[in-house]
Amino acid sequence: MAGQASISTEILARYAADAAREVDGVRGFADSPLPRKHAVRVSGENGAVRVELHLVTEWGASIPAVGRLVQERVREYLRQMADVEPAAVEVVVDAVGPER
C-alpha cells in the first residue's frame, strides 16, 4: 500500500523555532499582540513551504550575520528532521535585547 505522509505547519514551526534558538545572537522570539500571529509562521501553498521568524537578537550581535545563520540553520534542520526544503526562510528582527 503506497501512501504519503504530511507534517503539519505547527510541527514545522516548532522545528524552525528550535533551529533558530541554536544560533548564537538569538535572544528569543518577538510576540505579536495581534491574534493568531505567532513569532514563527509556516505556510504551505502549492507545495512550497515558507517560513517567517520574528526574532529578538542579543545586544551587540551583527543582525545581518545572525539573520543569515538562522536562515541556514532552519533550512538544514527542516531538511534533516522533516525532509522539507523551504522555498523561503524570512527572518525579521523586531527587537534587540538589552545588555545582560
PDB file of N, CA and C in Angstrom:
ATOM      1  N   MET A   1       0.835  -1.165   0.000  1.00  0.00           N
ATOM      2  CA  MET A   1       0.000   0.000   0.000  1.00  0.00           C
ATOM      3  C   MET A   1       0.890   1.240   0.000  1.00  0.00           C
ATOM      4  N   ALA A   2       0.758   2.033  -1.007  1.00  0.00           N
ATOM      5  CA  ALA A   2       1.553   3.257  -1.106  1.00  0.00           C
ATOM      6  C   ALA A   2       0.797   4.375  -0.418  1.00  0.00           C
ATOM      7  N   GLY A   3       1.524   5.175   0.304  1.00  0.00           N
ATOM      8  CA  GLY A   3       0.893   6.292   0.998  1.00  0.00           C
ATOM      9  C   GLY A   3       1.818   7.478   1.051  1.00  0.00           C
ATOM     10  N   GLN A   4       1.285   8.549   1.530  1.00  0.00           N
ATOM     11  CA  GLN A   4       2.084   9.756   1.637  1.00  0.00           C
ATOM     12  C   GLN A   4       1.802  10.388   2.988  1.00  0.00           C
ATOM     13  N   ALA A   5       2.846  10.719   3.696  1.00  0.00           N
ATOM     14  CA  ALA A   5       2.714  11.361   4.999  1.00  0.00           C
ATOM     15  C   ALA A   5       2.875  12.859   4.838  1.00  0.00           C
ATOM     16  N   SER A   6       2.230  13.584   5.721  1.00  0.00           N
ATOM     17  CA  SER A   6       2.423  15.033   5.718  1.00  0.00           C
ATOM     18  C   SER A   6       2.689  15.477   7.149  1.00  0.00           C
ATOM     19  N   ILE A   7       3.368  16.588   7.268  1.00  0.00           N
ATOM     20  CA  ILE A   7       3.713  17.152   8.567  1.00  0.00           C
ATOM     21  C   ILE A   7       2.999  18.488   8.685  1.00  0.00           C
ATOM     22  N   SER A   8       2.345  18.703   9.804  1.00  0.00           N
ATOM     23  CA  SER A   8       1.572  19.934   9.974  1.00  0.00           C
ATOM     24  C   SER A   8       2.486  21.151  10.020  1.00  0.00           C
ATOM     25  N   THR A   9       1.923  22.285   9.674  1.00  0.00           N
ATOM     26  CA  THR A   9       2.699  23.525   9.717  1.00  0.00           C
ATOM     27  C   THR A   9       3.078  23.873  11.158  1.00  0.00           C
ATOM     28  N   GLU A  10       2.276  23.443  12.133  1.00  0.00           N
ATOM     29  CA  GLU A  10       2.609  23.701  13.539  1.00  0.00           C
ATOM     30  C   GLU A  10       3.890  22.969  13.937  1.00  0.00           C
ATOM     31  N   ILE A  11       4.038  21.736  13.491  1.00  0.00           N
ATOM     32  CA  ILE A  11       5.250  20.969  13.795  1.00  0.00           C
ATOM     33  C   ILE A  11       6.451  21.594  13.094  1.00  0.00           C
ATOM     34  N   LEU A  12       6.281  21.987  11.839  1.00  0.00           N
ATOM     35  CA  LEU A  12       7.383  22.632  11.112  1.00  0.00           C
ATOM     36  C   LEU A  12       7.782  23.938  11.798  1.00  0.00           C
ATOM     37  N   ALA A  13       6.806  24.673  12.325  1.00  0.00           N
ATOM     38  CA  ALA A  13       7.107  25.920  13.040  1.00  0.00           C
ATOM     39  C   ALA A  13       7.914  25.626  14.306  1.00  0.00           C
ATOM     40  N   ARG A  14       7.575  24.561  15.007  1.00  0.00           N
ATOM     41  CA  ARG A  14       8.342  24.183  16.206  1.00  0.00           C
ATOM     42  C   ARG A  14       9.771  23.816  15.833  1.00  0.00           C
ATOM     43  N   TYR A  15       9.928  23.065  14.755  1.00  0.00           N
ATOM     44  CA  TYR A  15      11.278  22.709  14.293  1.00  0.00           C
ATOM     45  C   TYR A  15      12.068  23.966  13.949  1.00  0.00           C
ATOM     46  N   ALA A  16      11.434  24.895  13.227  1.00  0.00           N
ATOM     47  CA  ALA A  16      12.119  26.130  12.839  1.00  0.00           C
ATOM     48  C   ALA A  16      12.519  26.931  14.077  1.00  0.00           C
ATOM     49  N   ALA A  17      11.645  26.988  15.076  1.00  0.00           N
ATOM     50  CA  ALA A  17      11.958  27.708  16.313  1.00  0.00           C
ATOM     51  C   ALA A  17      13.124  27.050  17.042  1.00  0.00           C
ATOM     52  N   ASP A  18      13.112  25.726  17.119  1.00  0.00           N
ATOM     53  CA  ASP A  18      14.214  25.007  17.766  1.00  0.00           C
ATOM     54  C   ASP A  18      15.540  25.311  17.076  1.00  0.00           C
ATOM     55  N   ALA A  19      15.518  25.303  15.747  1.00  0.00           N
ATOM     56  CA  ALA A  19      16.732  25.567  14.980  1.00  0.00           C
ATOM     57  C   ALA A  19      17.232  26.989  15.214  1.00  0.00           C
ATOM     58  N   ALA A  20      16.325  27.963  15.217  1.00  0.00           N
ATOM     59  CA  ALA A  20      16.717  29.365  15.401  1.00  0.00           C
ATOM     60  C   ALA A  20      17.319  29.589  16.784  1.00  0.00           C
ATOM     61  N   ARG A  21      16.782  28.915  17.798  1.00  0.00           N
ATOM     62  CA  ARG A  21      17.295  29.075  19.165  1.00  0.00           C
ATOM     63  C   ARG A  21      18.752  28.628  19.287  1.00  0.00           C
ATOM     64  N   GLU A  22      19.184  27.740  18.405  1.00  0.00           N
ATOM     65  CA  GLU A  22      20.555  27.222  18.453  1.00  0.00           C
ATOM     66  C   GLU A  22      21.596  28.223  17.949  1.00  0.00           C
ATOM     67  N   VAL A  23      21.162  29.281  17.288  1.00  0.00           N
ATOM     68  CA  VAL A  23      22.073  30.238  16.667  1.00  0.00           C
ATOM     69  C   VAL A  23      22.518  31.277  17.703  1.00  0.00           C
ATOM     70  N   ASP A  24      23.840  31.456  17.804  1.00  0.00           N
ATOM     71  CA  ASP A  24      24.376  32.495  18.689  1.00  0.00           C
ATOM     72  C   ASP A  24      23.873  33.855  18.226  1.00  0.00           C
ATOM     73  N   GLY A  25      23.465  34.669  19.179  1.00  0.00           N
ATOM     74  CA  GLY A  25      22.970  36.002  18.858  1.00  0.00           C
ATOM     75  C   GLY A  25      21.456  36.090  18.889  1.00  0.00           C
ATOM     76  N   VAL A  26      20.772  34.931  18.909  1.00  0.00           N
ATOM     77  CA  VAL A  26      19.311  34.937  19.011  1.00  0.00           C
ATOM     78  C   VAL A  26      18.949  34.925  20.493  1.00  0.00           C
ATOM     79  N   ARG A  27      18.280  35.970  20.921  1.00  0.00           N
ATOM     80  CA  ARG A  27      17.873  36.075  22.327  1.00  0.00           C
ATOM     81  C   ARG A  27      16.520  35.403  22.555  1.00  0.00           C
ATOM     82  N   GLY A  28      15.657  35.477  21.554  1.00  0.00           N
ATOM     83  CA  GLY A  28      14.330  34.877  21.674  1.00  0.00           C
ATOM     84  C   GLY A  28      13.459  35.263  20.501  1.00  0.00           C
ATOM     85  N   PHE A  29      12.162  35.153  20.720  1.00  0.00           N
ATOM     86  CA  PHE A  29      11.199  35.448  19.667  1.00  0.00           C
ATOM     87  C   PHE A  29      10.331  36.628  20.082  1.00  0.00           C
ATOM     88  N   ALA A  30       9.925  37.402  19.096  1.00  0.00           N
ATOM     89  CA  ALA A  30       9.078  38.563  19.348  1.00  0.00           C
ATOM     90  C   ALA A  30       7.624  38.124  19.287  1.00  0.00           C
ATOM     91  N   ASP A  31       6.888  38.398  20.346  1.00  0.00           N
ATOM     92  CA  ASP A  31       5.468  38.066  20.368  1.00  0.00           C
ATOM     93  C   ASP A  31       4.674  39.169  19.693  1.00  0.00           C
ATOM     94  N   SER A  32       3.647  38.755  18.998  1.00  0.00           N
ATOM     95  CA  SER A  32       2.781  39.713  18.334  1.00  0.00           C
ATOM     96  C   SER A  32       1.542  39.959  19.184  1.00  0.00           C
ATOM     97  N   PRO A  33       1.139  41.209  19.319  1.00  0.00           N
ATOM     98  CA  PRO A  33      -0.095  41.487  20.055  1.00  0.00           C
ATOM     99  C   PRO A  33      -1.344  41.132  19.240  1.00  0.00           C
ATOM    100  N   LEU A  34      -1.165  40.862  17.971  1.00  0.00           N
ATOM    101  CA  LEU A  34      -2.304  40.532  17.107  1.00  0.00           C
ATOM    102  C   LEU A  34      -2.722  39.080  17.321  1.00  0.00           C
ATOM    103  N   PRO A  35      -4.019  38.811  17.314  1.00  0.00           N
ATOM    104  CA  PRO A  35      -4.466  37.429  17.487  1.00  0.00           C
ATOM    105  C   PRO A  35      -4.008  36.544  16.333  1.00  0.00           C
ATOM    106  N   ARG A  36      -3.618  35.326  16.679  1.00  0.00           N
ATOM    107  CA  ARG A  36      -3.211  34.301  15.716  1.00  0.00           C
ATOM    108  C   ARG A  36      -1.983  34.695  14.898  1.00  0.00           C
ATOM    109  N   LYS A  37      -1.223  35.639  15.372  1.00  0.00           N
ATOM    110  CA  LYS A  37       0.041  35.997  14.721  1.00  0.00           C
ATOM    111  C   LYS A  37       1.155  35.559  15.655  1.00  0.00           C
ATOM    112  N   HIS A  38       1.878  34.567  15.256  1.00  0.00           N
ATOM    113  CA  HIS A  38       2.906  33.988  16.107  1.00  0.00           C
ATOM    114  C   HIS A  38       4.288  34.429  15.650  1.00  0.00           C
ATOM    115  N   ALA A  39       5.259  34.230  16.503  1.00  0.00           N
ATOM    116  CA  ALA A  39       6.627  34.629  16.197  1.00  0.00           C
ATOM    117  C   ALA A  39       7.230  33.780  15.084  1.00  0.00           C
ATOM    118  N   VAL A  40       6.759  32.545  14.942  1.00  0.00           N
ATOM    119  CA  VAL A  40       7.233  31.675  13.861  1.00  0.00           C
ATOM    120  C   VAL A  40       6.002  31.217  13.086  1.00  0.00           C
ATOM    121  N   ARG A  41       5.999  31.546  11.802  1.00  0.00           N
ATOM    122  CA  ARG A  41       4.856  31.198  10.951  1.00  0.00           C
ATOM    123  C   ARG A  41       5.337  30.352   9.787  1.00  0.00           C
ATOM    124  N   VAL A  42       4.597  29.314   9.511  1.00  0.00           N
ATOM    125  CA  VAL A  42       4.911  28.447   8.381  1.00  0.00           C
ATOM    126  C   VAL A  42       3.660  28.358   7.526  1.00  0.00           C
ATOM    127  N   SER A  43       3.839  28.584   6.242  1.00  0.00           N
ATOM    128  CA  SER A  43       2.710  28.440   5.323  1.00  0.00           C
ATOM    129  C   SER A  43       3.125  27.501   4.197  1.00  0.00           C
ATOM    130  N   GLY A  44       2.157  26.787   3.709  1.00  0.00           N
ATOM    131  CA  GLY A  44       2.403  25.884   2.589  1.00  0.00           C
ATOM    132  C   GLY A  44       1.389  26.140   1.506  1.00  0.00           C
ATOM    133  N   GLU A  45       1.863  26.673   0.398  1.00  0.00           N
ATOM    134  CA  GLU A  45       0.981  26.954  -0.728  1.00  0.00           C
ATOM    135  C   GLU A  45       1.574  26.342  -1.981  1.00  0.00           C
ATOM    136  N   ASN A  46       0.739  25.620  -2.714  1.00  0.00           N
ATOM    137  CA  ASN A  46       1.164  24.983  -3.969  1.00  0.00           C
ATOM    138  C   ASN A  46       2.398  24.112  -3.768  1.00  0.00           C
ATOM    139  N   GLY A  47       2.473  23.445  -2.635  1.00  0.00           N
ATOM    140  CA  GLY A  47       3.592  22.558  -2.358  1.00  0.00           C
ATOM    141  C   GLY A  47       4.862  23.243  -1.897  1.00  0.00           C
ATOM    142  N   ALA A  48       4.852  24.569  -1.792  1.00  0.00           N
ATOM    143  CA  ALA A  48       6.040  25.311  -1.356  1.00  0.00           C
ATOM    144  C   ALA A  48       5.859  25.755   0.093  1.00  0.00           C
ATOM    145  N   VAL A  49       6.849  25.456   0.913  1.00  0.00           N
ATOM    146  CA  VAL A  49       6.813  25.830   2.322  1.00  0.00           C
ATOM    147  C   VAL A  49       7.596  27.125   2.509  1.00  0.00           C
ATOM    148  N   ARG A  50       6.961  28.073   3.196  1.00  0.00           N
ATOM    149  CA  ARG A  50       7.596  29.351   3.512  1.00  0.00           C
ATOM    150  C   ARG A  50       7.612  29.512   5.029  1.00  0.00           C
ATOM    151  N   VAL A  51       8.753  29.961   5.551  1.00  0.00           N
ATOM    152  CA  VAL A  51       8.925  30.139   6.988  1.00  0.00           C
ATOM    153  C   VAL A  51       9.214  31.608   7.260  1.00  0.00           C
ATOM    154  N   GLU A  52       8.555  32.166   8.266  1.00  0.00           N
ATOM    155  CA  GLU A  52       8.805  33.543   8.689  1.00  0.00           C
ATOM    156  C   GLU A  52       9.054  33.525  10.188  1.00  0.00           C
ATOM    157  N   LEU A  53      10.204  34.053  10.611  1.00  0.00           N
ATOM    158  CA  LEU A  53      10.573  34.083  12.025  1.00  0.00           C
ATOM    159  C   LEU A  53      10.745  35.530  12.471  1.00  0.00           C
ATOM    160  N   HIS A  54      10.145  35.874  13.593  1.00  0.00           N
ATOM    161  CA  HIS A  54      10.278  37.211  14.182  1.00  0.00           C
ATOM    162  C   HIS A  54      11.134  37.073  15.431  1.00  0.00           C
ATOM    163  N   LEU A  55      12.338  37.649  15.377  1.00  0.00           N
ATOM    164  CA  LEU A  55      13.335  37.426  16.414  1.00  0.00           C
ATOM    165  C   LEU A  55      13.665  38.661  17.234  1.00  0.00           C
ATOM    166  N   VAL A  56      14.227  38.374  18.406  1.00  0.00           N
ATOM    167  CA  VAL A  56      14.895  39.376  19.225  1.00  0.00           C
ATOM    168  C   VAL A  56      16.354  38.933  19.265  1.00  0.00           C
ATOM    169  N   THR A  57      17.265  39.822  18.875  1.00  0.00           N
ATOM    170  CA  THR A  57      18.686  39.461  18.876  1.00  0.00           C
ATOM    171  C   THR A  57      19.361  39.981  20.138  1.00  0.00           C
ATOM    172  N   GLU A  58      20.523  39.431  20.396  1.00  0.00           N
ATOM    173  CA  GLU A  58      21.350  39.877  21.525  1.00  0.00           C
ATOM    174  C   GLU A  58      21.903  41.266  21.219  1.00  0.00           C
ATOM    175  N   TRP A  59      22.083  42.055  22.252  1.00  0.00           N
ATOM    176  CA  TRP A  59      22.723  43.355  22.117  1.00  0.00           C
ATOM    177  C   TRP A  59      24.135  43.158  21.586  1.00  0.00           C
ATOM    178  N   GLY A  60      24.514  43.889  20.561  1.00  0.00           N
ATOM    179  CA  GLY A  60      25.859  43.830  20.013  1.00  0.00           C
ATOM    180  C   GLY A  60      26.064  42.782  18.932  1.00  0.00           C
ATOM    181  N   ALA A  61      25.070  41.933  18.703  1.00  0.00           N
ATOM    182  CA  ALA A  61      25.197  40.912  17.653  1.00  0.00           C
ATOM    183  C   ALA A  61      25.013  41.568  16.287  1.00  0.00           C
ATOM    184  N   SER A  62      25.700  41.036  15.297  1.00  0.00           N
ATOM    185  CA  SER A  62      25.537  41.521  13.926  1.00  0.00           C
ATOM    186  C   SER A  62      24.208  40.988  13.386  1.00  0.00           C
ATOM    187  N   ILE A  63      23.262  41.873  13.187  1.00  0.00           N
ATOM    188  CA  ILE A  63      21.929  41.453  12.750  1.00  0.00           C
ATOM    189  C   ILE A  63      21.976  40.747  11.392  1.00  0.00           C
ATOM    190  N   PRO A  64      22.703  41.268  10.381  1.00  0.00           N
ATOM    191  CA  PRO A  64      22.760  40.536   9.107  1.00  0.00           C
ATOM    192  C   PRO A  64      23.374  39.139   9.256  1.00  0.00           C
ATOM    193  N   ALA A  65      24.414  39.023  10.078  1.00  0.00           N
ATOM    194  CA  ALA A  65      25.054  37.718  10.269  1.00  0.00           C
ATOM    195  C   ALA A  65      24.129  36.752  10.985  1.00  0.00           C
ATOM    196  N   VAL A  66      23.446  37.219  12.025  1.00  0.00           N
ATOM    197  CA  VAL A  66      22.508  36.367  12.748  1.00  0.00           C
ATOM    198  C   VAL A  66      21.388  35.921  11.804  1.00  0.00           C
ATOM    199  N   GLY A  67      20.875  36.837  11.010  1.00  0.00           N
ATOM    200  CA  GLY A  67      19.813  36.505  10.055  1.00  0.00           C
ATOM    201  C   GLY A  67      20.233  35.415   9.084  1.00  0.00           C
ATOM    202  N   ARG A  68      21.434  35.545   8.527  1.00  0.00           N
ATOM    203  CA  ARG A  68      21.929  34.528   7.581  1.00  0.00           C
ATOM    204  C   ARG A  68      22.096  33.178   8.261  1.00  0.00           C
ATOM    205  N   LEU A  69      22.658  33.183   9.474  1.00  0.00           N
ATOM    206  CA  LEU A  69      22.869  31.928  10.200  1.00  0.00           C
ATOM    207  C   LEU A  69      21.539  31.264  10.549  1.00  0.00           C
ATOM    208  N   VAL A  70      20.547  32.052  10.924  1.00  0.00           N
ATOM    209  CA  VAL A  70      19.229  31.493  11.218  1.00  0.00           C
ATOM    210  C   VAL A  70      18.636  30.873   9.954  1.00  0.00           C
ATOM    211  N   GLN A  71      18.729  31.570   8.830  1.00  0.00           N
ATOM    212  CA  GLN A  71      18.216  31.014   7.574  1.00  0.00           C
ATOM    213  C   GLN A  71      18.876  29.681   7.252  1.00  0.00           C
ATOM    214  N   GLU A  72      20.198  29.628   7.353  1.00  0.00           N
ATOM    215  CA  GLU A  72      20.931  28.400   7.043  1.00  0.00           C
ATOM    216  C   GLU A  72      20.550  27.276   7.999  1.00  0.00           C
ATOM    217  N   ARG A  73      20.492  27.587   9.299  1.00  0.00           N
ATOM    218  CA  ARG A  73      20.204  26.557  10.298  1.00  0.00           C
ATOM    219  C   ARG A  73      18.781  26.022  10.157  1.00  0.00           C
ATOM    220  N   VAL A  74      17.815  26.904   9.901  1.00  0.00           N
ATOM    221  CA  VAL A  74      16.428  26.470   9.734  1.00  0.00           C
ATOM    222  C   VAL A  74      16.308  25.574   8.505  1.00  0.00           C
ATOM    223  N   ARG A  75      16.923  25.958   7.402  1.00  0.00           N
ATOM    224  CA  ARG A  75      16.880  25.119   6.189  1.00  0.00           C
ATOM    225  C   ARG A  75      17.467  23.732   6.462  1.00  0.00           C
ATOM    226  N   GLU A  76      18.630  23.717   7.079  1.00  0.00           N
ATOM    227  CA  GLU A  76      19.308  22.452   7.375  1.00  0.00           C
ATOM    228  C   GLU A  76      18.454  21.574   8.306  1.00  0.00           C
ATOM    229  N   TYR A  77      17.909  22.184   9.342  1.00  0.00           N
ATOM    230  CA  TYR A  77      17.123  21.452  10.331  1.00  0.00           C
ATOM    231  C   TYR A  77      15.865  20.855   9.701  1.00  0.00           C
ATOM    232  N   LEU A  78      15.148  21.640   8.892  1.00  0.00           N
ATOM    233  CA  LEU A  78      13.935  21.136   8.251  1.00  0.00           C
ATOM    234  C   LEU A  78      14.243  20.030   7.248  1.00  0.00           C
ATOM    235  N   ARG A  79      15.383  20.137   6.561  1.00  0.00           N
ATOM    236  CA  ARG A  79      15.788  19.050   5.646  1.00  0.00           C
ATOM    237  C   ARG A  79      16.038  17.766   6.423  1.00  0.00           C
ATOM    238  N   GLN A  80      16.766  17.875   7.527  1.00  0.00           N
ATOM    239  CA  GLN A  80      17.120  16.695   8.315  1.00  0.00           C
ATOM    240  C   GLN A  80      15.924  16.088   9.035  1.00  0.00           C
ATOM    241  N   MET A  81      15.132  16.906   9.675  1.00  0.00           N
ATOM    242  CA  MET A  81      14.063  16.415  10.549  1.00  0.00           C
ATOM    243  C   MET A  81      12.762  16.086   9.817  1.00  0.00           C
ATOM    244  N   ALA A  82      12.486  16.786   8.724  1.00  0.00           N
ATOM    245  CA  ALA A  82      11.186  16.623   8.076  1.00  0.00           C
ATOM    246  C   ALA A  82      11.271  16.375   6.577  1.00  0.00           C
ATOM    247  N   ASP A  83      12.483  16.318   6.041  1.00  0.00           N
ATOM    248  CA  ASP A  83      12.669  16.143   4.598  1.00  0.00           C
ATOM    249  C   ASP A  83      11.907  17.221   3.822  1.00  0.00           C
ATOM    250  N   VAL A  84      12.010  18.460   4.321  1.00  0.00           N
ATOM    251  CA  VAL A  84      11.334  19.602   3.704  1.00  0.00           C
ATOM    252  C   VAL A  84      12.382  20.623   3.305  1.00  0.00           C
ATOM    253  N   GLU A  85      12.289  21.098   2.073  1.00  0.00           N
ATOM    254  CA  GLU A  85      13.169  22.162   1.577  1.00  0.00           C
ATOM    255  C   GLU A  85      12.324  23.427   1.443  1.00  0.00           C
ATOM    256  N   PRO A  86      12.467  24.384   2.379  1.00  0.00           N
ATOM    257  CA  PRO A  86      11.643  25.589   2.301  1.00  0.00           C
ATOM    258  C   PRO A  86      11.954  26.420   1.061  1.00  0.00           C
ATOM    259  N   ALA A  87      10.906  26.958   0.462  1.00  0.00           N
ATOM    260  CA  ALA A  87      11.081  27.865  -0.672  1.00  0.00           C
ATOM    261  C   ALA A  87      11.667  29.186  -0.197  1.00  0.00           C
ATOM    262  N   ALA A  88      11.342  29.565   1.056  1.00  0.00           N
ATOM    263  CA  ALA A  88      11.858  30.809   1.622  1.00  0.00           C
ATOM    264  C   ALA A  88      11.916  30.689   3.133  1.00  0.00           C
ATOM    265  N   VAL A  89      12.966  31.280   3.703  1.00  0.00           N
ATOM    266  CA  VAL A  89      13.079  31.438   5.151  1.00  0.00           C
ATOM    267  C   VAL A  89      13.330  32.919   5.372  1.00  0.00           C
ATOM    268  N   GLU A  90      12.310  33.604   5.872  1.00  0.00           N
ATOM    269  CA  GLU A  90      12.392  35.041   6.075  1.00  0.00           C
ATOM    270  C   GLU A  90      12.612  35.329   7.555  1.00  0.00           C
ATOM    271  N   VAL A  91      13.613  36.142   7.847  1.00  0.00           N
ATOM    272  CA  VAL A  91      13.947  36.487   9.223  1.00  0.00           C
ATOM    273  C   VAL A  91      13.682  37.983   9.409  1.00  0.00           C
ATOM    274  N   VAL A  92      12.859  38.283  10.410  1.00  0.00           N
ATOM    275  CA  VAL A  92      12.543  39.663  10.747  1.00  0.00           C
ATOM    276  C   VAL A  92      13.044  39.899  12.165  1.00  0.00           C
ATOM    277  N   VAL A  93      13.925  40.882  12.327  1.00  0.00           N
ATOM    278  CA  VAL A  93      14.394  41.233  13.664  1.00  0.00           C
ATOM    279  C   VAL A  93      13.512  42.365  14.156  1.00  0.00           C
ATOM    280  N   ASP A  94      12.683  42.039  15.141  1.00  0.00           N
ATOM    281  CA  ASP A  94      11.729  43.015  15.686  1.00  0.00           C
ATOM    282  C   ASP A  94      12.309  43.816  16.833  1.00  0.00           C
ATOM    283  N   ALA A  95      13.338  43.276  17.492  1.00  0.00           N
ATOM    284  CA  ALA A  95      13.899  43.982  18.642  1.00  0.00           C
ATOM    285  C   ALA A  95      15.309  43.491  18.908  1.00  0.00           C
ATOM    286  N   VAL A  96      16.039  44.316  19.623  1.00  0.00           N
ATOM    287  CA  VAL A  96      17.374  43.949  20.105  1.00  0.00           C
ATOM    288  C   VAL A  96      17.275  43.934  21.613  1.00  0.00           C
ATOM    289  N   GLY A  97      17.659  42.794  22.203  1.00  0.00           N
ATOM    290  CA  GLY A  97      17.564  42.659  23.656  1.00  0.00           C
ATOM    291  C   GLY A  97      18.554  43.538  24.363  1.00  0.00           C
ATOM    292  N   PRO A  98      18.240  43.932  25.595  1.00  0.00           N
ATOM    293  CA  PRO A  98      19.157  44.764  26.375  1.00  0.00           C
ATOM    294  C   PRO A  98      20.394  43.967  26.786  1.00  0.00           C
ATOM    295  N   GLU A  99      21.442  44.689  27.125  1.00  0.00           N
ATOM    296  CA  GLU A  99      22.666  44.026  27.588  1.00  0.00           C
ATOM    297  C   GLU A  99      22.361  43.243  28.853  1.00  0.00           C
ATOM    298  N   ARG A 100      23.032  42.116  28.978  1.00  0.00           N
ATOM    299  CA  ARG A 100      22.834  41.280  30.184  1.00  0.00           C
ATOM    300  C   ARG A 100      23.849  41.633  31.214  1.00  0.00           C
TER     301      ARG A 100
END
